[in-house]
């Protein structure tokens, strides 16, 4: 499959729409458990594909840094729950990440969407730290 194929464009558009849920428009502290599960799952998905050998050459140094910050924000949000709830949220987020990976034919097609998503979540984490 060639990167400029119509299928590639469709996959990219679907991933971008999936990751484009405006987190910036929402107070992260007011997210429901379902929202946290989905957003954390997206971050876990991005972190997983960033570790793949075929994806590493497409990454910049800041990509991994942004996803690490995004993961930290999700961890901070989950910390407000009890230990059993945290464990359940983590399990559900991991399952969501797995579902995303099953629905992605080529992991490297997700790099651009992950880059934008993790960048946005990392920005929110930076604002919370200020």
C-alpha atoms as a PDB file:
ATOM      1  CA  UNK A   1       0.000   0.000   0.000  1.00  0.00           C
ATOM      2  CA  UNK A   2       1.301   3.437  -0.888  1.00  0.00           C
ATOM      3  CA  UNK A   3       1.109   6.318   1.619  1.00  0.00           C
ATOM      4  CA  UNK A   4      -0.825   8.493  -0.851  1.00  0.00           C
ATOM      5  CA  UNK A   5      -3.520   5.910  -1.513  1.00  0.00           C
ATOM      6  CA  UNK A   6      -7.193   6.739  -0.876  1.00  0.00           C
ATOM      7  CA  UNK A   7      -7.248   4.087   1.856  1.00  0.00           C
ATOM      8  CA  UNK A   8      -4.412   5.864   3.673  1.00  0.00           C
ATOM      9  CA  UNK A   9      -6.306   9.144   3.460  1.00  0.00           C
ATOM     10  CA  UNK A  10      -9.452   7.525   4.840  1.00  0.00           C
ATOM     11  CA  UNK A  11      -7.583   5.861   7.715  1.00  0.00           C
ATOM     12  CA  UNK A  12      -5.853   9.135   8.561  1.00  0.00           C
ATOM     13  CA  UNK A  13      -9.162  11.030   8.513  1.00  0.00           C
ATOM     14  CA  UNK A  14     -10.804   8.454  10.774  1.00  0.00           C
ATOM     15  CA  UNK A  15      -7.941   8.516  13.269  1.00  0.00           C
ATOM     16  CA  UNK A  16      -7.812  12.274  13.258  1.00  0.00           C
ATOM     17  CA  UNK A  17     -11.539  12.497  13.948  1.00  0.00           C
ATOM     18  CA  UNK A  18     -11.201   9.925  16.718  1.00  0.00           C
ATOM     19  CA  UNK A  19      -8.414  11.846  18.408  1.00  0.00           C
ATOM     20  CA  UNK A  20      -9.850  15.283  17.746  1.00  0.00           C
ATOM     21  CA  UNK A  21     -12.387  15.233  20.561  1.00  0.00           C
ATOM     22  CA  UNK A  22     -11.671  18.667  22.007  1.00  0.00           C
ATOM     23  CA  UNK A  23     -10.088  17.991  25.369  1.00  0.00           C
ATOM     24  CA  UNK A  24      -9.039  21.619  25.613  1.00  0.00           C
ATOM     25  CA  UNK A  25     -12.674  22.704  25.672  1.00  0.00           C
ATOM     26  CA  UNK A  26     -13.299  20.570  28.760  1.00  0.00           C
ATOM     27  CA  UNK A  27     -11.999  20.950  32.288  1.00  0.00           C
ATOM     28  CA  UNK A  28      -9.936  17.757  32.693  1.00  0.00           C
ATOM     29  CA  UNK A  29     -10.961  17.526  36.347  1.00  0.00           C
ATOM     30  CA  UNK A  30     -14.616  17.295  35.319  1.00  0.00           C
ATOM     31  CA  UNK A  31     -14.189  14.340  32.959  1.00  0.00           C
ATOM     32  CA  UNK A  32     -16.361  11.317  33.662  1.00  0.00           C
ATOM     33  CA  UNK A  33     -14.885   7.869  34.121  1.00  0.00           C
ATOM     34  CA  UNK A  34     -15.936   7.002  30.572  1.00  0.00           C
ATOM     35  CA  UNK A  35     -14.175  10.081  29.186  1.00  0.00           C
ATOM     36  CA  UNK A  36     -11.038   9.302  31.192  1.00  0.00           C
ATOM     37  CA  UNK A  37     -11.075   5.700  29.960  1.00  0.00           C
ATOM     38  CA  UNK A  38     -11.319   6.816  26.335  1.00  0.00           C
ATOM     39  CA  UNK A  39      -8.736   9.585  26.571  1.00  0.00           C
ATOM     40  CA  UNK A  40      -6.313   7.464  28.591  1.00  0.00           C
ATOM     41  CA  UNK A  41      -6.813   4.618  26.124  1.00  0.00           C
ATOM     42  CA  UNK A  42      -5.888   6.949  23.279  1.00  0.00           C
ATOM     43  CA  UNK A  43      -2.716   7.980  25.115  1.00  0.00           C
ATOM     44  CA  UNK A  44      -1.823   4.349  25.856  1.00  0.00           C
ATOM     45  CA  UNK A  45      -2.415   3.496  22.191  1.00  0.00           C
ATOM     46  CA  UNK A  46      -0.070   6.272  21.099  1.00  0.00           C
ATOM     47  CA  UNK A  47       2.572   5.261  23.624  1.00  0.00           C
ATOM     48  CA  UNK A  48       2.383   1.674  22.377  1.00  0.00           C
ATOM     49  CA  UNK A  49       2.766   2.528  18.698  1.00  0.00           C
ATOM     50  CA  UNK A  50       5.634   4.898  19.488  1.00  0.00           C
ATOM     51  CA  UNK A  51       7.574   1.861  20.751  1.00  0.00           C
ATOM     52  CA  UNK A  52       7.149  -0.066  17.479  1.00  0.00           C
ATOM     53  CA  UNK A  53      10.233  -0.438  15.309  1.00  0.00           C
ATOM     54  CA  UNK A  54       8.401   0.639  12.145  1.00  0.00           C
ATOM     55  CA  UNK A  55       7.160   3.824  13.823  1.00  0.00           C
ATOM     56  CA  UNK A  56      10.323   5.001  15.617  1.00  0.00           C
ATOM     57  CA  UNK A  57      11.917   6.494  12.471  1.00  0.00           C
ATOM     58  CA  UNK A  58       8.844   8.725  12.021  1.00  0.00           C
ATOM     59  CA  UNK A  59       9.070  10.266  15.493  1.00  0.00           C
ATOM     60  CA  UNK A  60      10.614  13.448  16.772  1.00  0.00           C
ATOM     61  CA  UNK A  61      12.070  13.673  20.267  1.00  0.00           C
ATOM     62  CA  UNK A  62       9.166  15.814  21.415  1.00  0.00           C
ATOM     63  CA  UNK A  63       6.610  13.174  20.345  1.00  0.00           C
ATOM     64  CA  UNK A  64       7.614  10.801  23.129  1.00  0.00           C
ATOM     65  CA  UNK A  65       7.931  13.675  25.603  1.00  0.00           C
ATOM     66  CA  UNK A  66       4.406  14.881  24.792  1.00  0.00           C
ATOM     67  CA  UNK A  67       2.948  11.393  25.173  1.00  0.00           C
ATOM     68  CA  UNK A  68       4.725  10.953  28.499  1.00  0.00           C
ATOM     69  CA  UNK A  69       3.217  14.230  29.730  1.00  0.00           C
ATOM     70  CA  UNK A  70      -0.182  13.165  28.421  1.00  0.00           C
ATOM     71  CA  UNK A  71       0.141   9.898  30.317  1.00  0.00           C
ATOM     72  CA  UNK A  72       1.032  11.838  33.456  1.00  0.00           C
ATOM     73  CA  UNK A  73      -2.112  13.963  33.121  1.00  0.00           C
ATOM     74  CA  UNK A  74      -4.236  10.824  32.834  1.00  0.00           C
ATOM     75  CA  UNK A  75      -2.503   9.323  35.874  1.00  0.00           C
ATOM     76  CA  UNK A  76      -3.135  12.529  37.826  1.00  0.00           C
ATOM     77  CA  UNK A  77      -6.815  12.488  36.880  1.00  0.00           C
ATOM     78  CA  UNK A  78      -7.216   8.858  37.923  1.00  0.00           C
ATOM     79  CA  UNK A  79      -5.483   9.496  41.252  1.00  0.00           C
ATOM     80  CA  UNK A  80      -8.639  11.116  42.621  1.00  0.00           C
ATOM     81  CA  UNK A  81     -10.384   7.729  42.616  1.00  0.00           C
ATOM     82  CA  UNK A  82     -10.034   4.855  45.078  1.00  0.00           C
ATOM     83  CA  UNK A  83      -7.442   2.144  44.393  1.00  0.00           C
ATOM     84  CA  UNK A  84     -10.013  -0.374  43.072  1.00  0.00           C
ATOM     85  CA  UNK A  85     -11.525   2.290  40.789  1.00  0.00           C
ATOM     86  CA  UNK A  86      -8.052   3.248  39.548  1.00  0.00           C
ATOM     87  CA  UNK A  87      -7.321  -0.374  38.735  1.00  0.00           C
ATOM     88  CA  UNK A  88     -10.625  -0.718  36.885  1.00  0.00           C
ATOM     89  CA  UNK A  89     -10.075   2.523  34.934  1.00  0.00           C
ATOM     90  CA  UNK A  90      -6.588   1.390  33.930  1.00  0.00           C
ATOM     91  CA  UNK A  91      -7.931  -1.964  32.773  1.00  0.00           C
ATOM     92  CA  UNK A  92     -10.676  -0.297  30.728  1.00  0.00           C
ATOM     93  CA  UNK A  93      -8.228   2.219  29.224  1.00  0.00           C
ATOM     94  CA  UNK A  94      -5.895  -0.612  28.229  1.00  0.00           C
ATOM     95  CA  UNK A  95      -8.809  -2.446  26.593  1.00  0.00           C
ATOM     96  CA  UNK A  96      -9.730   0.745  24.726  1.00  0.00           C
ATOM     97  CA  UNK A  97      -6.122   1.069  23.528  1.00  0.00           C
ATOM     98  CA  UNK A  98      -6.218  -2.549  22.369  1.00  0.00           C
ATOM     99  CA  UNK A  99      -9.449  -1.913  20.473  1.00  0.00           C
ATOM    100  CA  UNK A 100      -7.860   1.077  18.778  1.00  0.00           C
ATOM    101  CA  UNK A 101      -4.887  -1.030  17.723  1.00  0.00           C
ATOM    102  CA  UNK A 102      -7.165  -3.715  16.271  1.00  0.00           C
ATOM    103  CA  UNK A 103      -8.968  -1.060  14.243  1.00  0.00           C
ATOM    104  CA  UNK A 104      -5.745   0.411  12.868  1.00  0.00           C
ATOM    105  CA  UNK A 105      -4.414  -1.437   9.852  1.00  0.00           C
ATOM    106  CA  UNK A 106      -0.997   0.221   9.818  1.00  0.00           C
ATOM    107  CA  UNK A 107       0.312   1.732  13.079  1.00  0.00           C
ATOM    108  CA  UNK A 108       2.487   4.306  11.351  1.00  0.00           C
ATOM    109  CA  UNK A 109      -0.658   5.869   9.881  1.00  0.00           C
ATOM    110  CA  UNK A 110      -1.554   6.947  13.423  1.00  0.00           C
ATOM    111  CA  UNK A 111       1.610   8.942  14.039  1.00  0.00           C
ATOM    112  CA  UNK A 112       0.216  12.292  12.867  1.00  0.00           C
ATOM    113  CA  UNK A 113      -3.010  11.897  14.856  1.00  0.00           C
ATOM    114  CA  UNK A 114      -1.089  10.786  17.955  1.00  0.00           C
ATOM    115  CA  UNK A 115       1.325  13.669  17.572  1.00  0.00           C
ATOM    116  CA  UNK A 116      -1.510  16.202  17.628  1.00  0.00           C
ATOM    117  CA  UNK A 117      -3.448  14.460  20.395  1.00  0.00           C
ATOM    118  CA  UNK A 118      -0.495  14.016  22.764  1.00  0.00           C
ATOM    119  CA  UNK A 119       0.662  17.573  22.058  1.00  0.00           C
ATOM    120  CA  UNK A 120      -2.745  18.935  23.112  1.00  0.00           C
ATOM    121  CA  UNK A 121      -2.929  16.795  26.248  1.00  0.00           C
ATOM    122  CA  UNK A 122       0.673  17.680  27.152  1.00  0.00           C
ATOM    123  CA  UNK A 123      -0.190  21.372  26.825  1.00  0.00           C
ATOM    124  CA  UNK A 124      -3.015  20.884  29.324  1.00  0.00           C
ATOM    125  CA  UNK A 125      -0.604  19.098  31.683  1.00  0.00           C
ATOM    126  CA  UNK A 126       1.882  21.982  31.359  1.00  0.00           C
ATOM    127  CA  UNK A 127      -0.878  24.504  32.167  1.00  0.00           C
ATOM    128  CA  UNK A 128      -1.872  22.512  35.244  1.00  0.00           C
ATOM    129  CA  UNK A 129       1.747  22.523  36.433  1.00  0.00           C
ATOM    130  CA  UNK A 130       2.074  26.305  36.086  1.00  0.00           C
END
